[in-house]
Amino acid sequence: SSDLEAGWLSLFVDEGPGVVGVTVGAETSETLEVEDWTPATEYGDGPYHYLSEQIGLRDRLFIRLTIDVME
């Protein structure tokens, strides 16, 4: 789920029980341009991910989920 609260844009992800070989993250962008995405700060541990970025003085901020699967 995502949230916008107190000047922070956040994404909450629960990997679920028994999930292995998957890395979850997020990236943020002010423009949606391909080269403008940067990693969001992650807080949390284990299967629970809280990814957040402070909006600050920006007019807009987008967040997207990233998923890497190990083969």
N, C-alpha and C. Protein backbone atom coordinates (compact mmCIF):
# COMPACT_ATOMS: atom_id res chain seq x y z
N SER A 1 0.84 -1.18 0.00
CA SER A 1 0.00 0.00 0.00
C SER A 1 0.89 1.24 0.00
N SER A 2 0.34 2.36 -0.40
CA SER A 2 1.10 3.61 -0.41
C SER A 2 0.40 4.63 0.48
N ASP A 3 1.15 5.66 0.86
CA ASP A 3 0.62 6.64 1.79
C ASP A 3 1.32 7.98 1.55
N LEU A 4 0.59 9.05 1.76
CA LEU A 4 1.13 10.40 1.72
C LEU A 4 0.74 11.06 3.03
N GLU A 5 1.73 11.24 3.91
CA GLU A 5 1.42 11.76 5.23
C GLU A 5 2.57 12.61 5.75
N ALA A 6 2.26 13.74 6.30
CA ALA A 6 3.22 14.63 6.95
C ALA A 6 4.45 14.90 6.08
N GLY A 7 4.24 15.09 4.78
CA GLY A 7 5.34 15.43 3.90
C GLY A 7 6.19 14.27 3.43
N TRP A 8 5.73 13.03 3.65
CA TRP A 8 6.46 11.84 3.22
C TRP A 8 5.59 11.03 2.27
N LEU A 9 6.19 10.55 1.19
CA LEU A 9 5.54 9.62 0.27
C LEU A 9 6.10 8.24 0.59
N SER A 10 5.24 7.30 0.96
CA SER A 10 5.70 6.01 1.46
C SER A 10 5.02 4.85 0.77
N LEU A 11 5.71 3.72 0.75
CA LEU A 11 5.20 2.48 0.19
C LEU A 11 5.47 1.38 1.20
N PHE A 12 4.44 0.60 1.53
CA PHE A 12 4.57 -0.48 2.49
C PHE A 12 4.39 -1.80 1.75
N VAL A 13 5.35 -2.73 1.93
CA VAL A 13 5.30 -4.01 1.23
C VAL A 13 5.56 -5.13 2.22
N ASP A 14 4.71 -6.15 2.20
CA ASP A 14 4.89 -7.37 2.99
C ASP A 14 5.14 -8.50 2.01
N GLU A 15 6.33 -9.10 2.05
CA GLU A 15 6.67 -10.16 1.11
C GLU A 15 5.82 -11.42 1.29
N GLY A 16 5.29 -11.63 2.46
CA GLY A 16 4.51 -12.83 2.71
C GLY A 16 5.39 -13.96 3.21
N PRO A 17 4.79 -14.94 3.87
CA PRO A 17 5.56 -16.04 4.45
C PRO A 17 6.17 -16.95 3.38
N GLY A 18 7.40 -17.39 3.61
CA GLY A 18 8.03 -18.36 2.74
C GLY A 18 8.60 -17.82 1.44
N VAL A 19 8.59 -16.52 1.24
CA VAL A 19 9.12 -15.95 0.00
C VAL A 19 10.65 -15.89 0.10
N VAL A 20 11.35 -16.49 -0.86
CA VAL A 20 12.81 -16.45 -0.89
C VAL A 20 13.27 -16.07 -2.30
N GLY A 21 14.44 -15.48 -2.39
CA GLY A 21 15.00 -15.13 -3.69
C GLY A 21 14.39 -13.91 -4.33
N VAL A 22 13.70 -13.11 -3.55
CA VAL A 22 13.05 -11.91 -4.08
C VAL A 22 13.56 -10.70 -3.29
N THR A 23 13.98 -9.67 -4.00
CA THR A 23 14.40 -8.42 -3.37
C THR A 23 13.40 -7.33 -3.76
N VAL A 24 12.83 -6.70 -2.75
CA VAL A 24 11.83 -5.65 -2.96
C VAL A 24 12.46 -4.30 -2.65
N GLY A 25 12.15 -3.31 -3.45
CA GLY A 25 12.63 -1.96 -3.22
C GLY A 25 11.68 -0.96 -3.85
N ALA A 26 12.09 0.29 -3.88
CA ALA A 26 11.28 1.33 -4.52
C ALA A 26 12.21 2.41 -5.04
N GLU A 27 11.71 3.15 -6.00
CA GLU A 27 12.43 4.28 -6.56
C GLU A 27 11.48 5.46 -6.63
N THR A 28 12.04 6.67 -6.55
CA THR A 28 11.23 7.88 -6.65
C THR A 28 11.74 8.75 -7.79
N SER A 29 10.84 9.57 -8.31
CA SER A 29 11.17 10.48 -9.41
C SER A 29 10.27 11.71 -9.32
N GLU A 30 10.81 12.84 -9.71
CA GLU A 30 10.00 14.06 -9.80
C GLU A 30 9.40 14.23 -11.19
N THR A 31 9.92 13.49 -12.19
CA THR A 31 9.53 13.75 -13.57
C THR A 31 8.97 12.55 -14.33
N LEU A 32 9.17 11.35 -13.84
CA LEU A 32 8.83 10.10 -14.52
C LEU A 32 9.75 9.79 -15.71
N GLU A 33 10.78 10.60 -15.92
CA GLU A 33 11.75 10.33 -16.99
C GLU A 33 12.60 9.11 -16.60
N VAL A 34 12.99 8.32 -17.58
CA VAL A 34 13.72 7.08 -17.34
C VAL A 34 14.97 7.30 -16.49
N GLU A 35 15.75 8.33 -16.78
CA GLU A 35 17.01 8.55 -16.07
C GLU A 35 16.85 9.27 -14.73
N ASP A 36 15.64 9.61 -14.35
CA ASP A 36 15.40 10.41 -13.14
C ASP A 36 15.05 9.57 -11.91
N TRP A 37 14.94 8.27 -12.01
CA TRP A 37 14.55 7.43 -10.88
C TRP A 37 15.74 7.17 -9.97
N THR A 38 15.54 7.38 -8.65
CA THR A 38 16.59 7.11 -7.66
C THR A 38 16.01 6.23 -6.56
N PRO A 39 16.86 5.41 -5.90
CA PRO A 39 16.36 4.52 -4.85
C PRO A 39 15.73 5.28 -3.70
N ALA A 40 14.60 4.78 -3.22
CA ALA A 40 13.96 5.35 -2.03
C ALA A 40 14.64 4.78 -0.79
N THR A 41 14.59 5.52 0.29
CA THR A 41 15.16 5.05 1.56
C THR A 41 14.27 3.96 2.13
N GLU A 42 14.90 2.86 2.59
CA GLU A 42 14.13 1.75 3.15
C GLU A 42 14.32 1.68 4.65
N TYR A 43 13.20 1.55 5.34
CA TYR A 43 13.19 1.34 6.78
C TYR A 43 12.46 0.02 6.98
N GLY A 44 12.89 -0.78 7.91
CA GLY A 44 12.24 -2.06 8.13
C GLY A 44 13.24 -3.19 8.00
N ASP A 45 12.74 -4.40 8.26
CA ASP A 45 13.62 -5.55 8.29
C ASP A 45 12.83 -6.79 7.92
N GLY A 46 13.52 -7.78 7.39
CA GLY A 46 12.86 -9.04 7.06
C GLY A 46 11.85 -8.88 5.94
N PRO A 47 10.70 -9.52 6.08
CA PRO A 47 9.71 -9.49 5.00
C PRO A 47 8.89 -8.20 4.93
N TYR A 48 9.09 -7.29 5.90
CA TYR A 48 8.31 -6.06 5.94
C TYR A 48 9.17 -4.89 5.46
N HIS A 49 8.72 -4.22 4.42
CA HIS A 49 9.48 -3.12 3.84
C HIS A 49 8.67 -1.83 3.94
N TYR A 50 9.30 -0.81 4.48
CA TYR A 50 8.72 0.53 4.54
C TYR A 50 9.67 1.42 3.77
N LEU A 51 9.28 1.82 2.58
CA LEU A 51 10.11 2.62 1.68
C LEU A 51 9.53 4.02 1.64
N SER A 52 10.37 5.02 1.89
CA SER A 52 9.83 6.36 2.06
C SER A 52 10.80 7.42 1.55
N GLU A 53 10.23 8.52 1.12
CA GLU A 53 11.04 9.66 0.66
C GLU A 53 10.31 10.94 1.07
N GLN A 54 11.05 11.87 1.65
CA GLN A 54 10.46 13.14 2.06
C GLN A 54 10.20 14.00 0.83
N ILE A 55 9.02 14.58 0.77
CA ILE A 55 8.64 15.40 -0.37
C ILE A 55 9.34 16.76 -0.31
N GLY A 56 9.45 17.33 0.86
CA GLY A 56 10.13 18.62 1.01
C GLY A 56 9.45 19.71 0.21
N LEU A 57 10.23 20.48 -0.53
CA LEU A 57 9.70 21.61 -1.29
C LEU A 57 9.35 21.24 -2.73
N ARG A 58 9.39 19.97 -3.06
CA ARG A 58 9.08 19.53 -4.43
C ARG A 58 7.59 19.69 -4.73
N ASP A 59 7.28 20.03 -5.97
CA ASP A 59 5.89 20.16 -6.40
C ASP A 59 5.21 18.81 -6.55
N ARG A 60 6.00 17.79 -6.90
CA ARG A 60 5.43 16.46 -7.09
C ARG A 60 6.53 15.42 -6.89
N LEU A 61 6.10 14.20 -6.56
CA LEU A 61 7.02 13.09 -6.37
C LEU A 61 6.27 11.80 -6.66
N PHE A 62 6.87 10.95 -7.47
CA PHE A 62 6.28 9.66 -7.83
C PHE A 62 7.10 8.55 -7.19
N ILE A 63 6.44 7.43 -6.88
CA ILE A 63 7.14 6.28 -6.31
C ILE A 63 6.72 5.03 -7.08
N ARG A 64 7.69 4.14 -7.32
CA ARG A 64 7.38 2.88 -7.99
C ARG A 64 8.08 1.74 -7.28
N LEU A 65 7.43 0.60 -7.28
CA LEU A 65 7.93 -0.62 -6.66
C LEU A 65 8.91 -1.29 -7.60
N THR A 66 10.02 -1.80 -7.05
CA THR A 66 10.96 -2.60 -7.83
C THR A 66 11.03 -4.00 -7.23
N ILE A 67 11.07 -5.00 -8.07
CA ILE A 67 11.16 -6.39 -7.62
C ILE A 67 12.24 -7.09 -8.44
N ASP A 68 13.23 -7.66 -7.75
CA ASP A 68 14.28 -8.45 -8.39
C ASP A 68 14.12 -9.90 -7.95
N VAL A 69 14.10 -10.81 -8.91
CA VAL A 69 13.95 -12.24 -8.62
C VAL A 69 15.26 -12.94 -8.96
N MET A 70 15.80 -13.66 -7.99
CA MET A 70 17.03 -14.43 -8.21
C MET A 70 16.66 -15.76 -8.84
N GLU A 71 17.42 -16.14 -9.85
CA GLU A 71 17.14 -17.41 -10.53
C GLU A 71 18.14 -18.46 -10.14
